[in-house]
Amino acid sequence: MPTFTAFTTLSDKSKAENLGEALERLNPEPYGVGVFEVEDGSGVWEVGGYFLEDPDQAGLALLAMAFDAKSFVVSELPETDWVAHVRRELAPVEAGRFFVYGSHDADKVPADCEPLLIEAAMAFGTGHHGTTLGCLKALDRLIGEGFHAKNCIDVGCGTAVLAMAAARTWPENVRASDIDQQAVDVAAANVAANDLVGRVECIEAAGFAHDDIENAAPYDLVFANILKAPLIGLAPDIAEFIAPGGYAILSGILNDQADEVISVYAENGINLVERTEIGEWTTLILQKSH
């Protein structure tokens, strides 16, 4: 069965979100709609829909005009077994002591590693992206220096690969939160697949806004692999909920955005320890003042 996509861009967040809602009401209906900020610092938003039949191009044109967006670009996608494709493209990832792999590569897991199973169908957060890889390497560095987190949280956890890496390392329970229930469900499935049930608690929450998360504070280690704007918004909360001397590992930051993030966290008493770049992405290790 052919699949169609329709994408447009505009520079107003509110209009982009409203256009996404309007797109859902188009006939024939899309089976999926996404609204994303383009991660290049331009302030441009992308709105896209996925269709199982050719979309109403006249309706798309009217929507684009109504919301001051560029004309939708409609494309027909070839039939592809995407899971098989991802399996071919995603080789296992080594990040220090951590080895991230799919079940199709189970025979490649080294004996002397901390294995993290993430299935190919759940590609975001597999460790291949520079942000996730950077966070795993940052964690590996702290462990190598003798750091032990007795209380850890992964905010915006996605697949929960970072929370699971912490749980593989230390005996204490780890919390993994995400604002999206579907992501929480994926995280819980990954936790079960890695035999970490009871070690990683998956919670639907916006940042730290959940009784279980707040009551468990302060945290020795906070992961937040999201994007610059929400990272900046989270700075006061991370400062409140992280323990004195505790670490924050942050990513989802374009290289030219790092200075601004570092400055905001310094204003909140959380100072730079190390910054590393992988491709266009920066990962930060920060520490709260004692």
C-alpha atoms as a PDB file:
ATOM      1  CA  MET A   1       0.000   0.000   0.000  1.00  0.00           C
ATOM      2  CA  PRO A   2       1.495   3.400  -0.947  1.00  0.00           C
ATOM      3  CA  THR A   3       2.041   6.023   1.714  1.00  0.00           C
ATOM      4  CA  PHE A   4       1.828   9.775   1.129  1.00  0.00           C
ATOM      5  CA  THR A   5       3.415  12.603   3.066  1.00  0.00           C
ATOM      6  CA  ALA A   6       2.552  16.293   3.091  1.00  0.00           C
ATOM      7  CA  PHE A   7       4.968  18.763   4.684  1.00  0.00           C
ATOM      8  CA  THR A   8       5.126  22.512   5.090  1.00  0.00           C
ATOM      9  CA  THR A   9       7.035  25.039   7.208  1.00  0.00           C
ATOM     10  CA  LEU A  10       6.217  28.293   8.980  1.00  0.00           C
ATOM     11  CA  SER A  11       7.866  30.516  11.559  1.00  0.00           C
ATOM     12  CA  ASP A  12       5.135  30.885  14.185  1.00  0.00           C
ATOM     13  CA  LYS A  13       4.857  28.179  16.865  1.00  0.00           C
ATOM     14  CA  SER A  14       1.222  28.872  17.726  1.00  0.00           C
ATOM     15  CA  LYS A  15       0.160  28.829  14.069  1.00  0.00           C
ATOM     16  CA  ALA A  16       2.153  25.634  13.508  1.00  0.00           C
ATOM     17  CA  GLU A  17       0.357  23.900  16.382  1.00  0.00           C
ATOM     18  CA  ASN A  18      -3.042  25.139  15.166  1.00  0.00           C
ATOM     19  CA  LEU A  19      -2.242  24.031  11.625  1.00  0.00           C
ATOM     20  CA  GLY A  20      -1.359  20.578  12.949  1.00  0.00           C
ATOM     21  CA  GLU A  21      -4.755  20.361  14.651  1.00  0.00           C
ATOM     22  CA  ALA A  22      -6.520  21.518  11.488  1.00  0.00           C
ATOM     23  CA  LEU A  23      -4.600  18.997   9.408  1.00  0.00           C
ATOM     24  CA  GLU A  24      -6.025  16.198  11.552  1.00  0.00           C
ATOM     25  CA  ARG A  25      -9.524  17.171  10.375  1.00  0.00           C
ATOM     26  CA  LEU A  26      -8.684  16.962   6.685  1.00  0.00           C
ATOM     27  CA  ASN A  27     -10.601  14.421   4.594  1.00  0.00           C
ATOM     28  CA  PRO A  28      -9.192  11.862   3.900  1.00  0.00           C
ATOM     29  CA  GLU A  29      -7.774  11.938   7.406  1.00  0.00           C
ATOM     30  CA  PRO A  30      -4.040  11.512   7.962  1.00  0.00           C
ATOM     31  CA  TYR A  31      -3.047   8.544  10.099  1.00  0.00           C
ATOM     32  CA  GLY A  32      -0.380  10.653  11.731  1.00  0.00           C
ATOM     33  CA  VAL A  33       0.418  14.360  12.166  1.00  0.00           C
ATOM     34  CA  GLY A  34       3.629  15.883  13.512  1.00  0.00           C
ATOM     35  CA  VAL A  35       4.584  19.424  14.517  1.00  0.00           C
ATOM     36  CA  PHE A  36       8.305  19.928  15.126  1.00  0.00           C
ATOM     37  CA  GLU A  37      10.730  22.798  15.578  1.00  0.00           C
ATOM     38  CA  VAL A  38      13.556  22.518  13.052  1.00  0.00           C
ATOM     39  CA  GLU A  39      16.675  21.902  15.166  1.00  0.00           C
ATOM     40  CA  ASP A  40      18.955  24.451  13.524  1.00  0.00           C
ATOM     41  CA  GLY A  41      18.223  27.508  15.624  1.00  0.00           C
ATOM     42  CA  SER A  42      16.237  29.161  12.813  1.00  0.00           C
ATOM     43  CA  GLY A  43      12.912  29.259  14.656  1.00  0.00           C
ATOM     44  CA  VAL A  44      11.206  27.464  11.776  1.00  0.00           C
ATOM     45  CA  TRP A  45       8.480  24.898  12.502  1.00  0.00           C
ATOM     46  CA  GLU A  46       7.642  21.921  10.318  1.00  0.00           C
ATOM     47  CA  VAL A  47       4.129  20.494  10.074  1.00  0.00           C
ATOM     48  CA  GLY A  48       3.609  17.159   8.382  1.00  0.00           C
ATOM     49  CA  GLY A  49       0.940  14.571   7.789  1.00  0.00           C
ATOM     50  CA  TYR A  50       1.108  10.913   6.726  1.00  0.00           C
ATOM     51  CA  PHE A  51      -1.684   9.488   4.589  1.00  0.00           C
ATOM     52  CA  LEU A  52      -2.704   6.048   3.377  1.00  0.00           C
ATOM     53  CA  GLU A  53      -4.284   7.599   0.285  1.00  0.00           C
ATOM     54  CA  ASP A  54      -3.579  10.646  -1.849  1.00  0.00           C
ATOM     55  CA  PRO A  55      -4.413  13.680   0.331  1.00  0.00           C
ATOM     56  CA  ASP A  56      -6.767  16.475  -0.688  1.00  0.00           C
ATOM     57  CA  GLN A  57      -4.264  18.871  -2.233  1.00  0.00           C
ATOM     58  CA  ALA A  58      -6.840  21.660  -2.609  1.00  0.00           C
ATOM     59  CA  GLY A  59      -7.609  21.337   1.092  1.00  0.00           C
ATOM     60  CA  LEU A  60      -3.893  21.416   1.896  1.00  0.00           C
ATOM     61  CA  ALA A  61      -3.482  24.586  -0.163  1.00  0.00           C
ATOM     62  CA  LEU A  62      -6.325  26.275   1.740  1.00  0.00           C
ATOM     63  CA  LEU A  63      -4.826  25.280   5.076  1.00  0.00           C
ATOM     64  CA  ALA A  64      -1.411  26.623   4.080  1.00  0.00           C
ATOM     65  CA  MET A  65      -2.954  29.972   3.106  1.00  0.00           C
ATOM     66  CA  ALA A  66      -5.076  30.152   6.263  1.00  0.00           C
ATOM     67  CA  PHE A  67      -2.076  29.709   8.550  1.00  0.00           C
ATOM     68  CA  ASP A  68       0.528  31.688   6.538  1.00  0.00           C
ATOM     69  CA  ALA A  69       2.529  28.557   5.792  1.00  0.00           C
ATOM     70  CA  LYS A  70       4.446  27.628   2.682  1.00  0.00           C
ATOM     71  CA  SER A  71       2.682  25.387   0.198  1.00  0.00           C
ATOM     72  CA  PHE A  72       2.535  21.748   1.261  1.00  0.00           C
ATOM     73  CA  VAL A  73       4.936  19.445  -0.544  1.00  0.00           C
ATOM     74  CA  VAL A  74       3.189  16.127  -1.200  1.00  0.00           C
ATOM     75  CA  SER A  75       5.222  12.984  -1.889  1.00  0.00           C
ATOM     76  CA  GLU A  76       4.413   9.332  -2.446  1.00  0.00           C
ATOM     77  CA  LEU A  77       6.700   7.004  -0.502  1.00  0.00           C
ATOM     78  CA  PRO A  78       7.745   3.603  -1.815  1.00  0.00           C
ATOM     79  CA  GLU A  79       6.627   0.528   0.077  1.00  0.00           C
ATOM     80  CA  THR A  80       9.387  -0.237   2.562  1.00  0.00           C
ATOM     81  CA  ASP A  81       9.823  -2.630   5.456  1.00  0.00           C
ATOM     82  CA  TRP A  82      11.087   0.110   7.753  1.00  0.00           C
ATOM     83  CA  VAL A  83      12.018  -2.151  10.636  1.00  0.00           C
ATOM     84  CA  ALA A  84      14.127  -4.305   8.326  1.00  0.00           C
ATOM     85  CA  HIS A  85      15.639  -1.137   6.863  1.00  0.00           C
ATOM     86  CA  VAL A  86      16.528   0.241  10.291  1.00  0.00           C
ATOM     87  CA  ARG A  87      18.012  -3.092  11.310  1.00  0.00           C
ATOM     88  CA  ARG A  88      20.319  -2.969   8.306  1.00  0.00           C
ATOM     89  CA  GLU A  89      21.324   0.628   8.974  1.00  0.00           C
ATOM     90  CA  LEU A  90      21.722   0.562  12.773  1.00  0.00           C
ATOM     91  CA  ALA A  91      24.791  -1.368  13.784  1.00  0.00           C
ATOM     92  CA  PRO A  92      25.476  -1.851  17.509  1.00  0.00           C
ATOM     93  CA  VAL A  93      26.849   1.197  19.322  1.00  0.00           C
ATOM     94  CA  GLU A  94      29.685   1.145  21.853  1.00  0.00           C
ATOM     95  CA  ALA A  95      29.884   4.036  24.312  1.00  0.00           C
ATOM     96  CA  GLY A  96      32.559   3.213  26.839  1.00  0.00           C
ATOM     97  CA  ARG A  97      31.300   0.273  28.890  1.00  0.00           C
ATOM     98  CA  PHE A  98      27.821   0.441  27.301  1.00  0.00           C
ATOM     99  CA  PHE A  99      26.783  -1.605  24.259  1.00  0.00           C
ATOM    100  CA  VAL A 100      23.472  -0.637  22.637  1.00  0.00           C
ATOM    101  CA  TYR A 101      22.055  -3.222  20.252  1.00  0.00           C
ATOM    102  CA  GLY A 102      18.911  -4.669  18.678  1.00  0.00           C
ATOM    103  CA  SER A 103      17.823  -8.271  19.162  1.00  0.00           C
ATOM    104  CA  HIS A 104      19.021  -9.045  15.619  1.00  0.00           C
ATOM    105  CA  ASP A 105      22.567  -8.340  16.875  1.00  0.00           C
ATOM    106  CA  ALA A 106      22.306 -10.306  20.131  1.00  0.00           C
ATOM    107  CA  ASP A 107      25.145 -12.581  19.020  1.00  0.00           C
ATOM    108  CA  LYS A 108      27.507  -9.577  18.862  1.00  0.00           C
ATOM    109  CA  VAL A 109      27.223  -8.523  22.523  1.00  0.00           C
ATOM    110  CA  PRO A 110      30.711  -8.581  24.117  1.00  0.00           C
ATOM    111  CA  ALA A 111      31.199 -10.389  27.401  1.00  0.00           C
ATOM    112  CA  ASP A 112      32.752  -7.399  29.189  1.00  0.00           C
ATOM    113  CA  CYS A 113      30.096  -4.721  28.644  1.00  0.00           C
ATOM    114  CA  GLU A 114      26.860  -3.339  30.038  1.00  0.00           C
ATOM    115  CA  PRO A 115      24.324  -4.402  27.351  1.00  0.00           C
ATOM    116  CA  LEU A 116      21.305  -2.258  26.519  1.00  0.00           C
ATOM    117  CA  LEU A 117      18.693  -3.788  24.212  1.00  0.00           C
ATOM    118  CA  ILE A 118      16.725  -1.274  22.137  1.00  0.00           C
ATOM    119  CA  GLU A 119      14.670  -2.689  19.292  1.00  0.00           C
ATOM    120  CA  ALA A 120      15.068  -1.246  15.796  1.00  0.00           C
ATOM    121  CA  ALA A 121      11.423  -0.214  15.643  1.00  0.00           C
ATOM    122  CA  MET A 122      12.157   2.224  18.480  1.00  0.00           C
ATOM    123  CA  ALA A 123      14.934   4.077  16.665  1.00  0.00           C
ATOM    124  CA  PHE A 124      14.946   7.370  18.583  1.00  0.00           C
ATOM    125  CA  GLY A 125      17.242   6.921  21.547  1.00  0.00           C
ATOM    126  CA  THR A 126      19.125   3.896  20.261  1.00  0.00           C
ATOM    127  CA  GLY A 127      22.502   5.502  20.886  1.00  0.00           C
ATOM    128  CA  HIS A 128      23.229   6.286  17.243  1.00  0.00           C
ATOM    129  CA  HIS A 129      22.197   9.922  17.544  1.00  0.00           C
ATOM    130  CA  GLY A 130      25.006  12.206  18.721  1.00  0.00           C
ATOM    131  CA  THR A 131      22.968  13.388  21.701  1.00  0.00           C
ATOM    132  CA  THR A 132      22.297   9.930  23.163  1.00  0.00           C
ATOM    133  CA  LEU A 133      25.807   8.738  22.397  1.00  0.00           C
ATOM    134  CA  GLY A 134      27.219  11.840  24.083  1.00  0.00           C
ATOM    135  CA  CYS A 135      25.152  11.225  27.226  1.00  0.00           C
ATOM    136  CA  LEU A 136      26.264   7.590  27.451  1.00  0.00           C
ATOM    137  CA  LYS A 137      29.902   8.612  27.070  1.00  0.00           C
ATOM    138  CA  ALA A 138      29.458  11.315  29.726  1.00  0.00           C
ATOM    139  CA  LEU A 139      27.970   8.749  32.112  1.00  0.00           C
ATOM    140  CA  ASP A 140      30.833   6.379  31.368  1.00  0.00           C
ATOM    141  CA  ARG A 141      33.306   9.131  32.239  1.00  0.00           C
ATOM    142  CA  LEU A 142      31.661   9.875  35.601  1.00  0.00           C
ATOM    143  CA  ILE A 143      31.573   6.176  36.465  1.00  0.00           C
ATOM    144  CA  GLY A 144      35.247   5.873  35.564  1.00  0.00           C
ATOM    145  CA  GLU A 145      36.015   8.697  38.001  1.00  0.00           C
ATOM    146  CA  GLY A 146      34.316   6.770  40.814  1.00  0.00           C
ATOM    147  CA  PHE A 147      31.010   8.638  40.871  1.00  0.00           C
ATOM    148  CA  HIS A 148      28.058   6.704  42.367  1.00  0.00           C
ATOM    149  CA  ALA A 149      24.526   8.051  41.935  1.00  0.00           C
ATOM    150  CA  LYS A 150      22.237   6.822  44.709  1.00  0.00           C
ATOM    151  CA  ASN A 151      19.275   8.688  43.213  1.00  0.00           C
ATOM    152  CA  CYS A 152      18.956   9.277  39.479  1.00  0.00           C
ATOM    153  CA  ILE A 153      16.311  10.548  37.052  1.00  0.00           C
ATOM    154  CA  ASP A 154      16.113  10.659  33.252  1.00  0.00           C
ATOM    155  CA  VAL A 155      13.847  13.593  32.276  1.00  0.00           C
ATOM    156  CA  GLY A 156      12.350  13.325  28.794  1.00  0.00           C
ATOM    157  CA  CYS A 157      13.472   9.718  28.699  1.00  0.00           C
ATOM    158  CA  GLY A 158      12.286   8.570  25.255  1.00  0.00           C
ATOM    159  CA  THR A 159      13.398   4.931  25.041  1.00  0.00           C
ATOM    160  CA  ALA A 160      14.813   5.170  28.613  1.00  0.00           C
ATOM    161  CA  VAL A 161      18.225   4.067  27.363  1.00  0.00           C
ATOM    162  CA  LEU A 162      19.968   6.524  29.727  1.00  0.00           C
ATOM    163  CA  ALA A 163      17.903   5.464  32.739  1.00  0.00           C
ATOM    164  CA  MET A 164      18.660   1.838  31.933  1.00  0.00           C
ATOM    165  CA  ALA A 165      22.372   2.587  31.620  1.00  0.00           C
ATOM    166  CA  ALA A 166      22.297   4.043  35.135  1.00  0.00           C
ATOM    167  CA  ALA A 167      20.323   1.052  36.421  1.00  0.00           C
ATOM    168  CA  ARG A 168      22.873  -1.319  34.864  1.00  0.00           C
ATOM    169  CA  THR A 169      25.581   0.486  36.818  1.00  0.00           C
ATOM    170  CA  TRP A 170      24.125   1.066  40.281  1.00  0.00           C
ATOM    171  CA  PRO A 171      21.755  -1.014  42.455  1.00  0.00           C
ATOM    172  CA  GLU A 172      19.463   1.869  43.385  1.00  0.00           C
ATOM    173  CA  ASN A 173      16.172   2.524  41.577  1.00  0.00           C
ATOM    174  CA  VAL A 174      16.106   5.023  38.736  1.00  0.00           C
ATOM    175  CA  ARG A 175      13.190   7.155  37.563  1.00  0.00           C
ATOM    176  CA  ALA A 176      12.456   7.835  33.902  1.00  0.00           C
ATOM    177  CA  SER A 177       9.876  10.465  32.991  1.00  0.00           C
ATOM    178  CA  ASP A 178       8.405  11.722  29.747  1.00  0.00           C
ATOM    179  CA  ILE A 179       5.584  14.099  28.926  1.00  0.00           C
ATOM    180  CA  ASP A 180       4.262  11.706  26.259  1.00  0.00           C
ATOM    181  CA  GLN A 181       2.437   8.562  27.418  1.00  0.00           C
ATOM    182  CA  GLN A 182       3.450   6.687  24.266  1.00  0.00           C
ATOM    183  CA  ALA A 183       7.104   7.338  25.088  1.00  0.00           C
ATOM    184  CA  VAL A 184       6.478   6.121  28.642  1.00  0.00           C
ATOM    185  CA  ASP A 185       4.957   2.924  27.258  1.00  0.00           C
ATOM    186  CA  VAL A 186       7.994   2.418  24.989  1.00  0.00           C
ATOM    187  CA  ALA A 187      10.300   3.058  27.929  1.00  0.00           C
ATOM    188  CA  ALA A 188       8.445   0.506  30.071  1.00  0.00           C
ATOM    189  CA  ALA A 189       8.670  -2.079  27.279  1.00  0.00           C
ATOM    190  CA  ASN A 190      12.409  -1.521  26.994  1.00  0.00           C
ATOM    191  CA  VAL A 191      12.827  -1.773  30.760  1.00  0.00           C
ATOM    192  CA  ALA A 192      11.049  -5.135  30.694  1.00  0.00           C
ATOM    193  CA  ALA A 193      13.110  -6.364  27.722  1.00  0.00           C
ATOM    194  CA  ASN A 194      16.283  -5.546  29.655  1.00  0.00           C
ATOM    195  CA  ASP A 195      15.148  -7.321  32.852  1.00  0.00           C
ATOM    196  CA  LEU A 196      15.123  -4.045  34.770  1.00  0.00           C
ATOM    197  CA  VAL A 197      11.532  -4.095  36.024  1.00  0.00           C
ATOM    198  CA  GLY A 198      11.567  -2.805  39.585  1.00  0.00           C
ATOM    199  CA  ARG A 199      14.835  -0.959  38.951  1.00  0.00           C
ATOM    200  CA  VAL A 200      13.549   1.708  36.538  1.00  0.00           C
ATOM    201  CA  GLU A 201      10.216   3.410  37.273  1.00  0.00           C
ATOM    202  CA  CYS A 202       8.618   4.951  34.161  1.00  0.00           C
ATOM    203  CA  ILE A 203       6.402   7.968  34.877  1.00  0.00           C
ATOM    204  CA  GLU A 204       4.318  10.270  32.687  1.00  0.00           C
ATOM    205  CA  ALA A 205       5.225  13.784  33.806  1.00  0.00           C
ATOM    206  CA  ALA A 206       6.178  17.201  32.505  1.00  0.00           C
ATOM    207  CA  GLY A 207       9.672  17.663  33.870  1.00  0.00           C
ATOM    208  CA  PHE A 208       9.637  17.101  37.639  1.00  0.00           C
ATOM    209  CA  ALA A 209       5.893  17.772  38.043  1.00  0.00           C
ATOM    210  CA  HIS A 210       4.844  14.504  39.668  1.00  0.00           C
ATOM    211  CA  ASP A 211       4.486  13.636  43.338  1.00  0.00           C
ATOM    212  CA  ASP A 212       6.653  10.503  43.071  1.00  0.00           C
ATOM    213  CA  ILE A 213       9.436  12.486  41.379  1.00  0.00           C
ATOM    214  CA  GLU A 214       9.297  15.424  43.784  1.00  0.00           C
ATOM    215  CA  ASN A 215       9.129  13.205  46.879  1.00  0.00           C
ATOM    216  CA  ALA A 216      12.232  11.262  45.780  1.00  0.00           C
ATOM    217  CA  ALA A 217      14.391  14.393  45.469  1.00  0.00           C
ATOM    218  CA  PRO A 218      17.166  15.424  45.753  1.00  0.00           C
ATOM    219  CA  TYR A 219      18.852  13.623  42.848  1.00  0.00           C
ATOM    220  CA  ASP A 220      22.563  12.900  42.555  1.00  0.00           C
ATOM    221  CA  LEU A 221      22.311  12.652  38.767  1.00  0.00           C
ATOM    222  CA  VAL A 222      19.856  14.158  36.310  1.00  0.00           C
ATOM    223  CA  PHE A 223      19.786  13.301  32.606  1.00  0.00           C
ATOM    224  CA  ALA A 224      17.939  15.655  30.255  1.00  0.00           C
ATOM    225  CA  ASN A 225      18.433  14.865  26.586  1.00  0.00           C
ATOM    226  CA  ILE A 226      15.806  17.100  25.019  1.00  0.00           C
ATOM    227  CA  LEU A 227      16.260  20.476  23.230  1.00  0.00           C
ATOM    228  CA  LYS A 228      17.683  23.876  24.100  1.00  0.00           C
ATOM    229  CA  ALA A 229      14.427  25.688  24.905  1.00  0.00           C
ATOM    230  CA  PRO A 230      13.020  23.079  27.340  1.00  0.00           C
ATOM    231  CA  LEU A 231      16.484  22.629  28.872  1.00  0.00           C
ATOM    232  CA  ILE A 232      16.610  26.340  29.631  1.00  0.00           C
ATOM    233  CA  GLY A 233      13.074  26.195  30.991  1.00  0.00           C
ATOM    234  CA  LEU A 234      14.040  23.273  33.250  1.00  0.00           C
ATOM    235  CA  ALA A 235      17.105  24.987  34.747  1.00  0.00           C
ATOM    236  CA  PRO A 236      15.369  26.311  37.911  1.00  0.00           C
ATOM    237  CA  ASP A 237      13.706  22.928  38.548  1.00  0.00           C
ATOM    238  CA  ILE A 238      16.933  21.006  38.054  1.00  0.00           C
ATOM    239  CA  ALA A 239      18.624  23.438  40.445  1.00  0.00           C
ATOM    240  CA  GLU A 240      15.851  22.788  42.987  1.00  0.00           C
ATOM    241  CA  PHE A 241      15.762  19.001  42.704  1.00  0.00           C
ATOM    242  CA  ILE A 242      19.448  18.151  42.252  1.00  0.00           C
ATOM    243  CA  ALA A 243      21.588  17.540  45.337  1.00  0.00           C
ATOM    244  CA  PRO A 244      24.548  19.776  46.203  1.00  0.00           C
ATOM    245  CA  GLY A 245      27.523  18.310  44.360  1.00  0.00           C
ATOM    246  CA  GLY A 246      25.176  16.381  42.073  1.00  0.00           C
ATOM    247  CA  TYR A 247      25.647  16.180  38.316  1.00  0.00           C
ATOM    248  CA  ALA A 248      23.455  16.990  35.338  1.00  0.00           C
ATOM    249  CA  ILE A 249      24.143  15.450  31.931  1.00  0.00           C
ATOM    250  CA  LEU A 250      22.418  17.550  29.287  1.00  0.00           C
ATOM    251  CA  SER A 251      22.139  17.172  25.528  1.00  0.00           C
ATOM    252  CA  GLY A 252      19.881  17.913  22.584  1.00  0.00           C
ATOM    253  CA  ILE A 253      21.932  21.087  22.206  1.00  0.00           C
ATOM    254  CA  LEU A 254      23.309  22.304  18.894  1.00  0.00           C
ATOM    255  CA  ASN A 255      26.956  23.314  19.165  1.00  0.00           C
ATOM    256  CA  ASP A 256      26.239  27.018  18.748  1.00  0.00           C
ATOM    257  CA  GLN A 257      23.567  26.861  21.486  1.00  0.00           C
ATOM    258  CA  ALA A 258      25.821  25.440  24.182  1.00  0.00           C
ATOM    259  CA  ASP A 259      27.163  28.739  25.542  1.00  0.00           C
ATOM    260  CA  GLU A 260      23.650  30.006  26.235  1.00  0.00           C
ATOM    261  CA  VAL A 261      22.666  26.804  28.056  1.00  0.00           C
ATOM    262  CA  ILE A 262      25.891  26.862  30.096  1.00  0.00           C
ATOM    263  CA  SER A 263      25.250  30.494  31.076  1.00  0.00           C
ATOM    264  CA  VAL A 264      21.660  29.868  32.196  1.00  0.00           C
ATOM    265  CA  TYR A 265      22.664  26.883  34.326  1.00  0.00           C
ATOM    266  CA  ALA A 266      25.567  28.813  35.870  1.00  0.00           C
ATOM    267  CA  GLU A 267      23.057  31.480  36.922  1.00  0.00           C
ATOM    268  CA  ASN A 268      21.197  28.681  38.720  1.00  0.00           C
ATOM    269  CA  GLY A 269      24.301  27.427  40.545  1.00  0.00           C
ATOM    270  CA  ILE A 270      25.038  24.485  38.211  1.00  0.00           C
ATOM    271  CA  ASN A 271      28.426  24.888  36.575  1.00  0.00           C
ATOM    272  CA  LEU A 272      30.214  23.379  33.607  1.00  0.00           C
ATOM    273  CA  VAL A 273      32.508  20.398  34.162  1.00  0.00           C
ATOM    274  CA  GLU A 274      32.920  19.229  30.567  1.00  0.00           C
ATOM    275  CA  ARG A 275      31.489  19.881  27.125  1.00  0.00           C
ATOM    276  CA  THR A 276      31.921  17.507  24.204  1.00  0.00           C
ATOM    277  CA  GLU A 277      30.804  17.669  20.592  1.00  0.00           C
ATOM    278  CA  ILE A 278      29.679  14.782  18.410  1.00  0.00           C
ATOM    279  CA  GLY A 279      28.862  16.086  14.947  1.00  0.00           C
ATOM    280  CA  GLU A 280      26.584  19.110  15.311  1.00  0.00           C
ATOM    281  CA  TRP A 281      25.507  18.210  18.867  1.00  0.00           C
ATOM    282  CA  THR A 282      26.967  19.182  22.242  1.00  0.00           C
ATOM    283  CA  THR A 283      26.705  17.209  25.484  1.00  0.00           C
ATOM    284  CA  LEU A 284      27.329  18.944  28.808  1.00  0.00           C
ATOM    285  CA  ILE A 285      28.371  17.599  32.189  1.00  0.00           C
ATOM    286  CA  LEU A 286      27.424  20.144  34.852  1.00  0.00           C
ATOM    287  CA  GLN A 287      27.723  20.059  38.645  1.00  0.00           C
ATOM    288  CA  LYS A 288      25.712  21.870  41.295  1.00  0.00           C
ATOM    289  CA  SER A 289      27.703  23.911  43.787  1.00  0.00           C
ATOM    290  CA  HIS A 290      28.169  22.317  47.192  1.00  0.00           C
END
